[in-house]
Amino acid sequence: MQIEVSGIPVEIVKKDIKTLRLAVLPPDGAVRVSAPRFLSDNSIRRFVQDRTEWILKQRARFAALPKPFRRQYISGEPLHVWGREYLLQVVEHIERERSLVLAEGQALLSLRQGDTLQRRASFVKEWYRDQLKSEAGKRLPLWESRTGLSCRSWQTKYMTTRWGTCNPAAGRLWLNLQLAQRPVEYLDYVLLHELAHLRIPNHGPAFQAILEQHMPQWREVRRQLNTFAASPMLPVE
């Protein structure tokens, strides 16, 4: 559901929660309110109206940020893989299969002649998916062993506002494809974070205690990871 308050579009998501939650999201300042199912629309509207000044300040802050880099997948662009920067070198062929190979600081991207920007982006996105699946497939069992927590299944998908998410009831985790661009310690943090949510659904003291036990520096890792949240490098779909 969407409403408008003082000219600001606001997305309303009703959930099984007890309190209202307001978020202004990067990169363009979209406003989202998570609300208890029993709360009336008028109560939600008043809640947003009381916070209009704060919302406008957050939207202005996002508007002042540099615009996200719009990738073209051409030679000379930077490509980040597990925290390391490579320079993209693109070669087009008539029949050769598409490929992406990392070597000596370069990312050698072989494409077919006539590949559109969307086709290039789709290939690289799937390449990132393979990288993430391979690394997470090795690291997730380690964290499950350390914590005694385990998921029934996990998947990858492109997300613009979260690094990971989980469904505790189904025991399922999702990992953001963009993690494959960042240092692997950030993947470790997201895996631990989402596994902890399988036991503790909120971010309270019990949840934080799990993180403290297994990753004492988790706050600093989280801070560093979230500095990337407003600057996605994959095309937004």
Protein backbone atom coordinates (compact mmCIF):
# COMPACT_ATOMS: atom_id res chain seq x y z
CA MET A 1 0.00 0.00 0.00
CA GLN A 2 1.19 3.53 -0.74
CA ILE A 3 0.06 6.86 0.69
CA GLU A 4 1.23 10.43 0.21
CA VAL A 5 2.14 12.69 3.13
CA SER A 6 3.10 16.33 2.49
CA GLY A 7 3.82 15.43 -1.12
CA ILE A 8 6.08 12.50 -0.14
CA PRO A 9 5.16 9.00 -1.42
CA VAL A 10 5.28 6.52 1.48
CA GLU A 11 5.19 2.75 1.10
CA ILE A 12 3.30 1.02 3.93
CA VAL A 13 4.11 -2.60 4.76
CA LYS A 14 1.98 -4.22 7.47
CA LYS A 15 3.64 -7.01 9.45
CA ASP A 16 3.33 -9.03 12.63
CA ILE A 17 5.26 -6.46 14.68
CA LYS A 18 4.38 -4.35 17.71
CA THR A 19 5.86 -0.94 16.85
CA LEU A 20 6.08 1.37 13.84
CA ARG A 21 9.35 1.53 11.94
CA LEU A 22 10.26 4.34 9.56
CA ALA A 23 13.06 4.10 6.99
CA VAL A 24 14.38 6.46 4.32
CA LEU A 25 16.22 4.26 1.85
CA PRO A 26 19.15 4.84 -0.48
CA PRO A 27 19.87 5.74 -3.16
CA ASP A 28 16.90 8.05 -3.88
CA GLY A 29 15.31 8.52 -0.45
CA ALA A 30 12.31 6.22 -0.83
CA VAL A 31 10.23 6.21 2.35
CA ARG A 32 8.97 2.96 3.86
CA VAL A 33 6.96 2.37 7.03
CA SER A 34 6.61 -1.06 8.61
CA ALA A 35 3.49 -1.09 10.74
CA PRO A 36 1.59 -3.54 12.97
CA ARG A 37 -1.34 -5.13 11.17
CA PHE A 38 -3.86 -3.81 13.70
CA LEU A 39 -2.88 -0.13 13.29
CA SER A 40 -5.22 2.13 11.32
CA ASP A 41 -4.13 4.01 8.21
CA ASN A 42 -4.88 7.34 9.93
CA SER A 43 -2.55 6.46 12.81
CA ILE A 44 0.21 5.62 10.36
CA ARG A 45 -0.36 8.87 8.47
CA ARG A 46 -0.06 10.91 11.70
CA PHE A 47 3.12 9.02 12.58
CA VAL A 48 4.68 10.00 9.24
CA GLN A 49 3.44 13.60 9.42
CA ASP A 50 5.11 14.07 12.81
CA ARG A 51 8.42 13.05 11.23
CA THR A 52 8.19 14.97 7.96
CA GLU A 53 11.07 17.31 8.82
CA TRP A 54 13.40 14.39 9.56
CA ILE A 55 12.35 12.61 6.35
CA LEU A 56 13.08 15.71 4.25
CA LYS A 57 16.54 16.03 5.83
CA GLN A 58 17.34 12.39 5.00
CA ARG A 59 16.09 12.76 1.43
CA ALA A 60 18.19 15.91 1.00
CA ARG A 61 21.25 14.02 2.25
CA PHE A 62 20.76 11.27 -0.31
CA ALA A 63 20.17 13.84 -3.08
CA ALA A 64 23.54 15.45 -2.26
CA LEU A 65 25.45 12.18 -2.63
CA PRO A 66 27.29 11.38 -5.87
CA LYS A 67 25.09 9.46 -8.26
CA PRO A 68 25.73 5.72 -8.47
CA PHE A 69 28.25 4.68 -11.08
CA ARG A 70 26.43 3.52 -14.21
CA ARG A 71 28.45 0.67 -15.61
CA GLN A 72 28.83 0.21 -19.37
CA TYR A 73 31.04 -2.91 -19.33
CA ILE A 74 33.73 -1.43 -21.54
CA SER A 75 37.53 -1.56 -21.32
CA GLY A 76 39.06 0.58 -18.60
CA GLU A 77 36.21 0.35 -16.10
CA PRO A 78 37.01 -0.94 -12.60
CA LEU A 79 35.60 -4.29 -11.54
CA HIS A 80 35.74 -5.30 -7.88
CA VAL A 81 36.01 -8.94 -6.85
CA TRP A 82 36.34 -9.92 -3.16
CA GLY A 83 37.65 -6.46 -2.29
CA ARG A 84 40.26 -6.24 -5.00
CA GLU A 85 40.01 -3.86 -7.96
CA TYR A 86 40.61 -5.11 -11.49
CA LEU A 87 40.63 -3.15 -14.75
CA LEU A 88 38.14 -4.45 -17.26
CA GLN A 89 39.52 -5.48 -20.66
CA VAL A 90 36.76 -6.31 -23.11
CA VAL A 91 37.25 -8.41 -26.24
CA GLU A 92 34.45 -9.23 -28.67
CA HIS A 93 34.33 -12.45 -30.70
CA ILE A 94 31.99 -13.86 -33.29
CA GLU A 95 31.61 -17.42 -31.97
CA ARG A 96 33.66 -17.85 -28.78
CA GLU A 97 31.75 -18.41 -25.54
CA ARG A 98 31.44 -15.53 -23.12
CA SER A 99 33.91 -15.64 -20.24
CA LEU A 100 35.43 -13.54 -17.47
CA VAL A 101 38.93 -14.34 -16.26
CA LEU A 102 40.97 -12.51 -13.59
CA ALA A 103 44.70 -12.21 -14.27
CA GLU A 104 47.42 -9.81 -13.08
CA GLY A 105 45.12 -7.01 -12.05
CA GLN A 106 42.91 -7.29 -15.12
CA ALA A 107 39.44 -8.74 -15.66
CA LEU A 108 39.42 -10.17 -19.16
CA LEU A 109 35.82 -10.15 -20.38
CA SER A 110 35.13 -12.00 -23.64
CA LEU A 111 31.80 -11.16 -25.24
CA ARG A 112 30.02 -11.87 -28.48
CA GLN A 113 29.86 -9.17 -31.11
CA GLY A 114 26.66 -7.21 -30.80
CA ASP A 115 26.02 -8.03 -27.13
CA THR A 116 23.80 -5.32 -25.66
CA LEU A 117 24.52 -3.57 -22.38
CA GLN A 118 21.80 -5.65 -20.72
CA ARG A 119 23.32 -8.86 -22.06
CA ARG A 120 26.76 -7.86 -20.79
CA ALA A 121 25.34 -6.95 -17.40
CA SER A 122 23.41 -10.23 -17.17
CA PHE A 123 26.52 -12.26 -17.92
CA VAL A 124 28.64 -10.46 -15.33
CA LYS A 125 25.85 -10.71 -12.76
CA GLU A 126 25.69 -14.48 -13.23
CA TRP A 127 29.48 -14.63 -13.00
CA TYR A 128 29.25 -12.86 -9.63
CA ARG A 129 26.57 -15.35 -8.61
CA ASP A 130 28.94 -18.24 -9.35
CA GLN A 131 31.69 -16.55 -7.31
CA LEU A 132 29.35 -16.01 -4.35
CA LYS A 133 27.92 -19.51 -4.48
CA SER A 134 31.40 -21.03 -4.51
CA GLU A 135 32.70 -18.96 -1.58
CA ALA A 136 29.53 -19.15 0.50
CA GLY A 137 29.35 -22.88 -0.13
CA LYS A 138 32.72 -23.21 1.60
CA ARG A 139 32.20 -20.67 4.39
CA LEU A 140 28.63 -21.32 5.46
CA PRO A 141 29.37 -24.84 6.79
CA LEU A 142 32.23 -23.38 8.84
CA TRP A 143 29.91 -20.85 10.50
CA GLU A 144 27.24 -23.46 11.05
CA SER A 145 29.81 -25.63 12.81
CA ARG A 146 31.10 -22.76 14.96
CA THR A 147 27.69 -21.49 16.03
CA GLY A 148 25.67 -24.69 16.17
CA LEU A 149 23.09 -22.93 13.98
CA SER A 150 22.16 -24.23 10.55
CA CYS A 151 19.86 -23.33 7.69
CA ARG A 152 17.81 -25.68 5.57
CA SER A 153 18.67 -23.89 2.34
CA TRP A 154 20.22 -20.70 1.00
CA GLN A 155 20.02 -18.71 -2.20
CA THR A 156 21.56 -15.66 -3.86
CA LYS A 157 19.81 -12.67 -5.36
CA TYR A 158 20.50 -9.07 -6.30
CA MET A 159 19.33 -6.68 -3.57
CA THR A 160 19.66 -2.91 -3.30
CA THR A 161 18.93 -2.28 0.39
CA ARG A 162 20.09 -5.40 2.23
CA TRP A 163 23.24 -7.52 2.24
CA GLY A 164 21.34 -10.56 3.42
CA THR A 165 17.99 -11.69 4.73
CA CYS A 166 16.42 -14.82 6.14
CA ASN A 167 13.16 -16.62 6.73
CA PRO A 168 13.45 -18.22 10.18
CA ALA A 169 10.30 -20.30 9.77
CA ALA A 170 11.59 -21.87 6.56
CA GLY A 171 15.24 -21.89 7.69
CA ARG A 172 16.23 -20.18 4.44
CA LEU A 173 18.91 -17.52 3.84
CA TRP A 174 19.40 -15.11 0.93
CA LEU A 175 22.73 -13.45 0.15
CA ASN A 176 23.18 -10.30 -1.91
CA LEU A 177 25.19 -10.86 -5.11
CA GLN A 178 27.10 -7.65 -4.39
CA LEU A 179 28.89 -9.39 -1.53
CA ALA A 180 31.16 -10.96 -4.16
CA GLN A 181 32.56 -7.47 -4.80
CA ARG A 182 33.52 -6.89 -1.16
CA PRO A 183 36.23 -8.41 1.06
CA VAL A 184 35.34 -11.91 2.17
CA GLU A 185 35.16 -10.89 5.85
CA TYR A 186 31.93 -9.05 4.98
CA LEU A 187 30.46 -12.29 3.66
CA ASP A 188 31.44 -13.92 6.95
CA TYR A 189 29.63 -11.20 8.88
CA VAL A 190 26.44 -11.54 6.81
CA LEU A 191 26.47 -15.32 7.18
CA LEU A 192 26.85 -15.04 10.95
CA HIS A 193 24.22 -12.29 11.13
CA GLU A 194 21.60 -14.27 9.22
CA LEU A 195 22.34 -17.52 11.04
CA ALA A 196 21.85 -15.70 14.34
CA HIS A 197 18.43 -14.55 13.12
CA LEU A 198 17.37 -18.16 12.78
CA ARG A 199 17.41 -18.27 16.59
CA ILE A 200 16.76 -14.62 17.50
CA PRO A 201 14.40 -12.67 15.18
CA ASN A 202 15.34 -9.20 16.48
CA HIS A 203 18.60 -7.29 17.04
CA GLY A 204 18.40 -7.24 20.82
CA PRO A 205 20.97 -8.27 23.44
CA ALA A 206 20.58 -12.01 22.85
CA PHE A 207 21.20 -11.54 19.14
CA GLN A 208 24.21 -9.30 19.74
CA ALA A 209 25.63 -11.82 22.21
CA ILE A 210 25.85 -14.41 19.43
CA LEU A 211 27.73 -11.96 17.23
CA GLU A 212 30.03 -10.94 20.09
CA GLN A 213 30.88 -14.55 20.84
CA HIS A 214 31.83 -15.49 17.31
CA MET A 215 32.99 -12.15 15.82
CA PRO A 216 34.02 -9.62 18.50
CA GLN A 217 34.76 -6.97 15.84
CA TRP A 218 31.33 -7.30 14.22
CA ARG A 219 30.34 -3.65 14.80
CA GLU A 220 33.34 -2.34 12.88
CA VAL A 221 32.79 -4.86 10.07
CA ARG A 222 29.14 -3.81 9.87
CA ARG A 223 30.10 -0.13 9.78
CA GLN A 224 32.56 -0.67 6.95
CA LEU A 225 30.14 -2.83 4.97
CA ASN A 226 27.32 -0.31 5.22
CA THR A 227 29.47 2.45 3.72
CA PHE A 228 28.90 0.66 0.40
CA ALA A 229 25.13 0.42 0.73
CA ALA A 230 24.32 3.59 -1.23
CA SER A 231 26.64 2.85 -4.17
CA PRO A 232 25.62 -0.35 -5.96
CA MET A 233 27.92 -1.24 -8.84
CA LEU A 234 25.63 -3.69 -10.58
CA PRO A 235 22.75 -2.31 -12.69
CA VAL A 236 19.56 -1.98 -10.71
CA GLU A 237 16.79 -4.10 -12.22
